[in-house]
């Protein structure tokens, strides 16, 4: 599996990085300002960025088992 990840990284660097480098560098220099928080399941088959067709920096994704979010309770109560 490590070999497949390495191949994927090389594909990214060869195919996507050249055309998207400026965008990644701008995110690194200026910080990220995602417009949407997505709480999603840790299921590896469902990637929110792919499903919503978003660019890097557009979503803040929190993934956990069963995409559970506990009810809000103020601290100390």
PDB file of N, CA and C in Angstrom:
ATOM      1  N   UNK A   1       0.811  -1.205   0.000  1.00  0.00           N
ATOM      2  CA  UNK A   1       0.000   0.000   0.000  1.00  0.00           C
ATOM      3  C   UNK A   1       0.853   1.268   0.000  1.00  0.00           C
ATOM      4  N   UNK A   2       1.972   1.216   0.703  1.00  0.00           N
ATOM      5  CA  UNK A   2       2.855   2.376   0.734  1.00  0.00           C
ATOM      6  C   UNK A   2       3.291   2.759  -0.669  1.00  0.00           C
ATOM      7  N   UNK A   3       3.543   1.768  -1.500  1.00  0.00           N
ATOM      8  CA  UNK A   3       3.951   2.031  -2.871  1.00  0.00           C
ATOM      9  C   UNK A   3       2.851   2.778  -3.634  1.00  0.00           C
ATOM     10  N   UNK A   4       1.588   2.416  -3.418  1.00  0.00           N
ATOM     11  CA  UNK A   4       0.482   3.101  -4.081  1.00  0.00           C
ATOM     12  C   UNK A   4       0.379   4.553  -3.618  1.00  0.00           C
ATOM     13  N   UNK A   5       0.596   4.790  -2.319  1.00  0.00           N
ATOM     14  CA  UNK A   5       0.578   6.163  -1.813  1.00  0.00           C
ATOM     15  C   UNK A   5       1.711   6.980  -2.419  1.00  0.00           C
ATOM     16  N   UNK A   6       2.868   6.388  -2.525  1.00  0.00           N
ATOM     17  CA  UNK A   6       4.007   7.074  -3.134  1.00  0.00           C
ATOM     18  C   UNK A   6       3.714   7.399  -4.594  1.00  0.00           C
ATOM     19  N   UNK A   7       3.128   6.459  -5.308  1.00  0.00           N
ATOM     20  CA  UNK A   7       2.756   6.717  -6.710  1.00  0.00           C
ATOM     21  C   UNK A   7       1.732   7.844  -6.800  1.00  0.00           C
ATOM     22  N   UNK A   8       0.768   7.846  -5.885  1.00  0.00           N
ATOM     23  CA  UNK A   8      -0.233   8.918  -5.871  1.00  0.00           C
ATOM     24  C   UNK A   8       0.400  10.274  -5.611  1.00  0.00           C
ATOM     25  N   UNK A   9       1.348  10.308  -4.697  1.00  0.00           N
ATOM     26  CA  UNK A   9       2.052  11.553  -4.416  1.00  0.00           C
ATOM     27  C   UNK A   9       2.800  12.043  -5.659  1.00  0.00           C
ATOM     28  N   UNK A  10       3.466  11.131  -6.340  1.00  0.00           N
ATOM     29  CA  UNK A  10       4.193  11.515  -7.556  1.00  0.00           C
ATOM     30  C   UNK A  10       3.228  11.999  -8.649  1.00  0.00           C
ATOM     31  N   UNK A  11       2.055  11.368  -8.769  1.00  0.00           N
ATOM     32  CA  UNK A  11       1.060  11.849  -9.741  1.00  0.00           C
ATOM     33  C   UNK A  11       0.604  13.261  -9.393  1.00  0.00           C
ATOM     34  N   UNK A  12       0.363  13.497  -8.099  1.00  0.00           N
ATOM     35  CA  UNK A  12      -0.028  14.834  -7.654  1.00  0.00           C
ATOM     36  C   UNK A  12       1.039  15.856  -8.024  1.00  0.00           C
ATOM     37  N   UNK A  13       2.295  15.548  -7.709  1.00  0.00           N
ATOM     38  CA  UNK A  13       3.383  16.483  -7.985  1.00  0.00           C
ATOM     39  C   UNK A  13       3.572  16.717  -9.483  1.00  0.00           C
ATOM     40  N   UNK A  14       3.357  15.704 -10.291  1.00  0.00           N
ATOM     41  CA  UNK A  14       3.556  15.843 -11.734  1.00  0.00           C
ATOM     42  C   UNK A  14       2.355  16.462 -12.440  1.00  0.00           C
ATOM     43  N   UNK A  15       1.145  16.105 -12.008  1.00  0.00           N
ATOM     44  CA  UNK A  15      -0.050  16.498 -12.756  1.00  0.00           C
ATOM     45  C   UNK A  15      -0.800  17.692 -12.176  1.00  0.00           C
ATOM     46  N   UNK A  16      -0.896  17.786 -10.863  1.00  0.00           N
ATOM     47  CA  UNK A  16      -1.697  18.844 -10.260  1.00  0.00           C
ATOM     48  C   UNK A  16      -0.868  19.991  -9.719  1.00  0.00           C
ATOM     49  N   UNK A  17       0.252  19.669  -9.085  1.00  0.00           N
ATOM     50  CA  UNK A  17       1.051  20.702  -8.432  1.00  0.00           C
ATOM     51  C   UNK A  17       1.456  21.835  -9.386  1.00  0.00           C
ATOM     52  N   UNK A  18       1.916  21.563 -10.579  1.00  0.00           N
ATOM     53  CA  UNK A  18       2.340  22.670 -11.446  1.00  0.00           C
ATOM     54  C   UNK A  18       1.222  23.692 -11.709  1.00  0.00           C
ATOM     55  N   UNK A  19      -0.002  23.233 -11.923  1.00  0.00           N
ATOM     56  CA  UNK A  19      -1.093  24.166 -12.231  1.00  0.00           C
ATOM     57  C   UNK A  19      -1.732  24.768 -10.986  1.00  0.00           C
ATOM     58  N   UNK A  20      -1.565  24.136  -9.817  1.00  0.00           N
ATOM     59  CA  UNK A  20      -2.220  24.606  -8.594  1.00  0.00           C
ATOM     60  C   UNK A  20      -1.235  25.147  -7.556  1.00  0.00           C
ATOM     61  N   UNK A  21       0.024  25.203  -7.920  1.00  0.00           N
ATOM     62  CA  UNK A  21       1.050  25.627  -6.965  1.00  0.00           C
ATOM     63  C   UNK A  21       0.756  26.993  -6.365  1.00  0.00           C
ATOM     64  N   UNK A  22       0.400  27.945  -7.187  1.00  0.00           N
ATOM     65  CA  UNK A  22       0.141  29.306  -6.698  1.00  0.00           C
ATOM     66  C   UNK A  22      -0.979  29.309  -5.657  1.00  0.00           C
ATOM     67  N   UNK A  23      -2.005  28.501  -5.892  1.00  0.00           N
ATOM     68  CA  UNK A  23      -3.121  28.429  -4.941  1.00  0.00           C
ATOM     69  C   UNK A  23      -2.660  27.870  -3.597  1.00  0.00           C
ATOM     70  N   UNK A  24      -1.890  26.799  -3.614  1.00  0.00           N
ATOM     71  CA  UNK A  24      -1.372  26.221  -2.370  1.00  0.00           C
ATOM     72  C   UNK A  24      -0.439  27.188  -1.656  1.00  0.00           C
ATOM     73  N   UNK A  25       0.398  27.875  -2.403  1.00  0.00           N
ATOM     74  CA  UNK A  25       1.312  28.833  -1.792  1.00  0.00           C
ATOM     75  C   UNK A  25       0.557  30.005  -1.184  1.00  0.00           C
ATOM     76  N   UNK A  26      -0.513  30.459  -1.847  1.00  0.00           N
ATOM     77  CA  UNK A  26      -1.332  31.546  -1.290  1.00  0.00           C
ATOM     78  C   UNK A  26      -2.011  31.104   0.004  1.00  0.00           C
ATOM     79  N   UNK A  27      -2.501  29.867   0.041  1.00  0.00           N
ATOM     80  CA  UNK A  27      -3.114  29.351   1.276  1.00  0.00           C
ATOM     81  C   UNK A  27      -2.087  29.289   2.403  1.00  0.00           C
ATOM     82  N   UNK A  28      -0.862  28.900   2.072  1.00  0.00           N
ATOM     83  CA  UNK A  28       0.190  28.825   3.087  1.00  0.00           C
ATOM     84  C   UNK A  28       0.576  30.223   3.574  1.00  0.00           C
ATOM     85  N   UNK A  29       0.643  31.168   2.673  1.00  0.00           N
ATOM     86  CA  UNK A  29       1.077  32.518   3.031  1.00  0.00           C
ATOM     87  C   UNK A  29      -0.021  33.328   3.719  1.00  0.00           C
ATOM     88  N   UNK A  30      -1.254  33.190   3.240  1.00  0.00           N
ATOM     89  CA  UNK A  30      -2.354  34.032   3.719  1.00  0.00           C
ATOM     90  C   UNK A  30      -3.265  33.344   4.727  1.00  0.00           C
ATOM     91  N   UNK A  31      -3.058  32.069   4.946  1.00  0.00           N
ATOM     92  CA  UNK A  31      -3.934  31.325   5.849  1.00  0.00           C
ATOM     93  C   UNK A  31      -5.172  30.844   5.125  1.00  0.00           C
ATOM     94  N   UNK A  32      -5.857  29.963   5.790  1.00  0.00           N
ATOM     95  CA  UNK A  32      -7.076  29.433   5.196  1.00  0.00           C
ATOM     96  C   UNK A  32      -8.295  30.102   5.821  1.00  0.00           C
ATOM     97  N   UNK A  33      -9.323  30.272   5.044  1.00  0.00           N
ATOM     98  CA  UNK A  33     -10.567  30.880   5.508  1.00  0.00           C
ATOM     99  C   UNK A  33     -11.745  30.068   4.966  1.00  0.00           C
ATOM    100  N   UNK A  34     -11.876  28.834   5.438  1.00  0.00           N
ATOM    101  CA  UNK A  34     -12.952  27.999   4.902  1.00  0.00           C
ATOM    102  C   UNK A  34     -14.324  28.609   5.190  1.00  0.00           C
ATOM    103  N   UNK A  35     -15.217  28.514   4.225  1.00  0.00           N
ATOM    104  CA  UNK A  35     -16.552  29.091   4.372  1.00  0.00           C
ATOM    105  C   UNK A  35     -17.542  28.127   5.014  1.00  0.00           C
ATOM    106  N   UNK A  36     -17.170  26.856   5.139  1.00  0.00           N
ATOM    107  CA  UNK A  36     -18.112  25.852   5.620  1.00  0.00           C
ATOM    108  C   UNK A  36     -17.410  24.822   6.494  1.00  0.00           C
ATOM    109  N   UNK A  37     -18.060  24.466   7.594  1.00  0.00           N
ATOM    110  CA  UNK A  37     -17.618  23.368   8.441  1.00  0.00           C
ATOM    111  C   UNK A  37     -18.461  22.158   8.090  1.00  0.00           C
ATOM    112  N   UNK A  38     -17.815  21.049   7.829  1.00  0.00           N
ATOM    113  CA  UNK A  38     -18.509  19.800   7.536  1.00  0.00           C
ATOM    114  C   UNK A  38     -18.107  18.782   8.595  1.00  0.00           C
ATOM    115  N   UNK A  39     -19.100  18.223   9.283  1.00  0.00           N
ATOM    116  CA  UNK A  39     -18.848  17.112  10.193  1.00  0.00           C
ATOM    117  C   UNK A  39     -19.237  15.866   9.426  1.00  0.00           C
ATOM    118  N   UNK A  40     -18.272  14.994   9.216  1.00  0.00           N
ATOM    119  CA  UNK A  40     -18.503  13.830   8.357  1.00  0.00           C
ATOM    120  C   UNK A  40     -18.012  12.567   9.037  1.00  0.00           C
ATOM    121  N   UNK A  41     -18.498  11.467   8.553  1.00  0.00           N
ATOM    122  CA  UNK A  41     -18.081  10.162   9.042  1.00  0.00           C
ATOM    123  C   UNK A  41     -16.650   9.876   8.596  1.00  0.00           C
ATOM    124  N   UNK A  42     -15.959   9.089   9.379  1.00  0.00           N
ATOM    125  CA  UNK A  42     -14.591   8.711   9.041  1.00  0.00           C
ATOM    126  C   UNK A  42     -14.515   7.727   7.884  1.00  0.00           C
ATOM    127  N   UNK A  43     -15.627   7.351   7.340  1.00  0.00           N
ATOM    128  CA  UNK A  43     -15.708   6.391   6.237  1.00  0.00           C
ATOM    129  C   UNK A  43     -14.795   6.827   5.092  1.00  0.00           C
ATOM    130  N   UNK A  44     -13.854   5.989   4.748  1.00  0.00           N
ATOM    131  CA  UNK A  44     -12.886   6.343   3.709  1.00  0.00           C
ATOM    132  C   UNK A  44     -13.495   6.424   2.315  1.00  0.00           C
ATOM    133  N   UNK A  45     -14.712   5.932   2.146  1.00  0.00           N
ATOM    134  CA  UNK A  45     -15.340   5.955   0.819  1.00  0.00           C
ATOM    135  C   UNK A  45     -15.990   7.293   0.504  1.00  0.00           C
ATOM    136  N   UNK A  46     -16.165   8.140   1.504  1.00  0.00           N
ATOM    137  CA  UNK A  46     -16.881   9.401   1.299  1.00  0.00           C
ATOM    138  C   UNK A  46     -16.002  10.581   1.709  1.00  0.00           C
ATOM    139  N   UNK A  47     -15.401  11.236   0.747  1.00  0.00           N
ATOM    140  CA  UNK A  47     -14.542  12.385   1.006  1.00  0.00           C
ATOM    141  C   UNK A  47     -15.349  13.660   0.734  1.00  0.00           C
ATOM    142  N   UNK A  48     -15.636  14.455   1.773  1.00  0.00           N
ATOM    143  CA  UNK A  48     -16.457  15.657   1.574  1.00  0.00           C
ATOM    144  C   UNK A  48     -15.923  16.595   0.498  1.00  0.00           C
ATOM    145  N   UNK A  49     -14.615  16.759   0.401  1.00  0.00           N
ATOM    146  CA  UNK A  49     -14.066  17.656  -0.618  1.00  0.00           C
ATOM    147  C   UNK A  49     -14.391  17.168  -2.024  1.00  0.00           C
ATOM    148  N   UNK A  50     -14.372  15.860  -2.222  1.00  0.00           N
ATOM    149  CA  UNK A  50     -14.736  15.315  -3.533  1.00  0.00           C
ATOM    150  C   UNK A  50     -16.240  15.422  -3.777  1.00  0.00           C
ATOM    151  N   UNK A  51     -17.024  15.085  -2.765  1.00  0.00           N
ATOM    152  CA  UNK A  51     -18.484  15.106  -2.911  1.00  0.00           C
ATOM    153  C   UNK A  51     -18.989  16.505  -3.234  1.00  0.00           C
ATOM    154  N   UNK A  52     -18.422  17.523  -2.557  1.00  0.00           N
ATOM    155  CA  UNK A  52     -18.876  18.900  -2.780  1.00  0.00           C
ATOM    156  C   UNK A  52     -18.045  19.625  -3.829  1.00  0.00           C
ATOM    157  N   UNK A  53     -17.087  18.926  -4.435  1.00  0.00           N
ATOM    158  CA  UNK A  53     -16.255  19.480  -5.500  1.00  0.00           C
ATOM    159  C   UNK A  53     -15.657  20.827  -5.095  1.00  0.00           C
ATOM    160  N   UNK A  54     -14.951  20.833  -3.964  1.00  0.00           N
ATOM    161  CA  UNK A  54     -14.378  22.069  -3.459  1.00  0.00           C
ATOM    162  C   UNK A  54     -12.861  22.079  -3.637  1.00  0.00           C
ATOM    163  N   UNK A  55     -12.334  23.270  -3.635  1.00  0.00           N
ATOM    164  CA  UNK A  55     -10.891  23.462  -3.760  1.00  0.00           C
ATOM    165  C   UNK A  55     -10.255  23.430  -2.367  1.00  0.00           C
ATOM    166  N   UNK A  56      -8.954  23.242  -2.297  1.00  0.00           N
ATOM    167  CA  UNK A  56      -8.277  23.295  -1.007  1.00  0.00           C
ATOM    168  C   UNK A  56      -8.559  24.620  -0.293  1.00  0.00           C
ATOM    169  N   UNK A  57      -8.818  24.548   1.006  1.00  0.00           N
ATOM    170  CA  UNK A  57      -9.075  25.747   1.797  1.00  0.00           C
ATOM    171  C   UNK A  57     -10.525  26.165   1.867  1.00  0.00           C
ATOM    172  N   UNK A  58     -11.422  25.553   1.109  1.00  0.00           N
ATOM    173  CA  UNK A  58     -12.833  25.947   1.119  1.00  0.00           C
ATOM    174  C   UNK A  58     -13.635  25.291   2.232  1.00  0.00           C
ATOM    175  N   UNK A  59     -13.267  24.091   2.635  1.00  0.00           N
ATOM    176  CA  UNK A  59     -13.992  23.376   3.683  1.00  0.00           C
ATOM    177  C   UNK A  59     -13.086  23.133   4.874  1.00  0.00           C
ATOM    178  N   UNK A  60     -13.675  23.202   6.068  1.00  0.00           N
ATOM    179  CA  UNK A  60     -13.009  22.708   7.268  1.00  0.00           C
ATOM    180  C   UNK A  60     -13.741  21.422   7.607  1.00  0.00           C
ATOM    181  N   UNK A  61     -13.051  20.307   7.517  1.00  0.00           N
ATOM    182  CA  UNK A  61     -13.694  19.005   7.667  1.00  0.00           C
ATOM    183  C   UNK A  61     -13.254  18.352   8.974  1.00  0.00           C
ATOM    184  N   UNK A  62     -14.234  17.951   9.774  1.00  0.00           N
ATOM    185  CA  UNK A  62     -14.000  17.185  10.990  1.00  0.00           C
ATOM    186  C   UNK A  62     -14.621  15.821  10.749  1.00  0.00           C
ATOM    187  N   UNK A  63     -13.798  14.802  10.804  1.00  0.00           N
ATOM    188  CA  UNK A  63     -14.302  13.454  10.543  1.00  0.00           C
ATOM    189  C   UNK A  63     -14.186  12.628  11.814  1.00  0.00           C
ATOM    190  N   UNK A  64     -15.254  11.942  12.131  1.00  0.00           N
ATOM    191  CA  UNK A  64     -15.253  11.070  13.294  1.00  0.00           C
ATOM    192  C   UNK A  64     -16.181   9.882  13.039  1.00  0.00           C
ATOM    193  N   UNK A  65     -16.181   8.945  13.946  1.00  0.00           N
ATOM    194  CA  UNK A  65     -17.008   7.754  13.792  1.00  0.00           C
ATOM    195  C   UNK A  65     -18.481   8.157  13.854  1.00  0.00           C
ATOM    196  N   UNK A  66     -19.229   7.792  12.848  1.00  0.00           N
ATOM    197  CA  UNK A  66     -20.675   8.020  12.745  1.00  0.00           C
ATOM    198  C   UNK A  66     -21.058   9.494  12.668  1.00  0.00           C
ATOM    199  N   UNK A  67     -20.136  10.353  12.337  1.00  0.00           N
ATOM    200  CA  UNK A  67     -20.318  11.808  12.234  1.00  0.00           C
ATOM    201  C   UNK A  67     -21.221  12.372  13.339  1.00  0.00           C
ATOM    202  N   UNK A  68     -20.927  11.986  14.572  1.00  0.00           N
ATOM    203  CA  UNK A  68     -21.711  12.418  15.727  1.00  0.00           C
ATOM    204  C   UNK A  68     -21.266  13.794  16.213  1.00  0.00           C
ATOM    205  N   UNK A  69     -22.246  14.608  16.579  1.00  0.00           N
ATOM    206  CA  UNK A  69     -21.999  15.908  17.181  1.00  0.00           C
ATOM    207  C   UNK A  69     -22.833  15.968  18.450  1.00  0.00           C
ATOM    208  N   UNK A  70     -22.186  16.052  19.618  1.00  0.00           N
ATOM    209  CA  UNK A  70     -22.976  16.093  20.858  1.00  0.00           C
ATOM    210  C   UNK A  70     -23.751  17.395  20.969  1.00  0.00           C
ATOM    211  N   UNK A  71     -24.852  17.382  21.720  1.00  0.00           N
ATOM    212  CA  UNK A  71     -25.614  18.623  21.916  1.00  0.00           C
ATOM    213  C   UNK A  71     -24.746  19.676  22.610  1.00  0.00           C
ATOM    214  N   UNK A  72     -24.996  20.911  22.304  1.00  0.00           N
ATOM    215  CA  UNK A  72     -24.246  22.009  22.909  1.00  0.00           C
ATOM    216  C   UNK A  72     -24.615  22.123  24.382  1.00  0.00           C
ATOM    217  N   UNK A  73     -23.591  22.246  25.218  1.00  0.00           N
ATOM    218  CA  UNK A  73     -23.780  22.511  26.646  1.00  0.00           C
ATOM    219  C   UNK A  73     -22.686  23.473  27.064  1.00  0.00           C
ATOM    220  N   UNK A  74     -23.067  24.629  27.623  1.00  0.00           N
ATOM    221  CA  UNK A  74     -22.044  25.566  28.080  1.00  0.00           C
ATOM    222  C   UNK A  74     -21.138  24.928  29.129  1.00  0.00           C
ATOM    223  N   UNK A  75     -19.897  25.370  29.173  1.00  0.00           N
ATOM    224  CA  UNK A  75     -18.951  24.854  30.174  1.00  0.00           C
ATOM    225  C   UNK A  75     -19.468  25.110  31.579  1.00  0.00           C
ATOM    226  N   UNK A  76     -19.210  24.168  32.484  1.00  0.00           N
ATOM    227  CA  UNK A  76     -19.555  24.340  33.887  1.00  0.00           C
ATOM    228  C   UNK A  76     -20.998  24.063  34.232  1.00  0.00           C
ATOM    229  N   UNK A  77     -21.767  23.521  33.324  1.00  0.00           N
ATOM    230  CA  UNK A  77     -23.178  23.231  33.622  1.00  0.00           C
ATOM    231  C   UNK A  77     -23.491  21.789  33.367  1.00  0.00           C
TER     232      UNK A  77
END
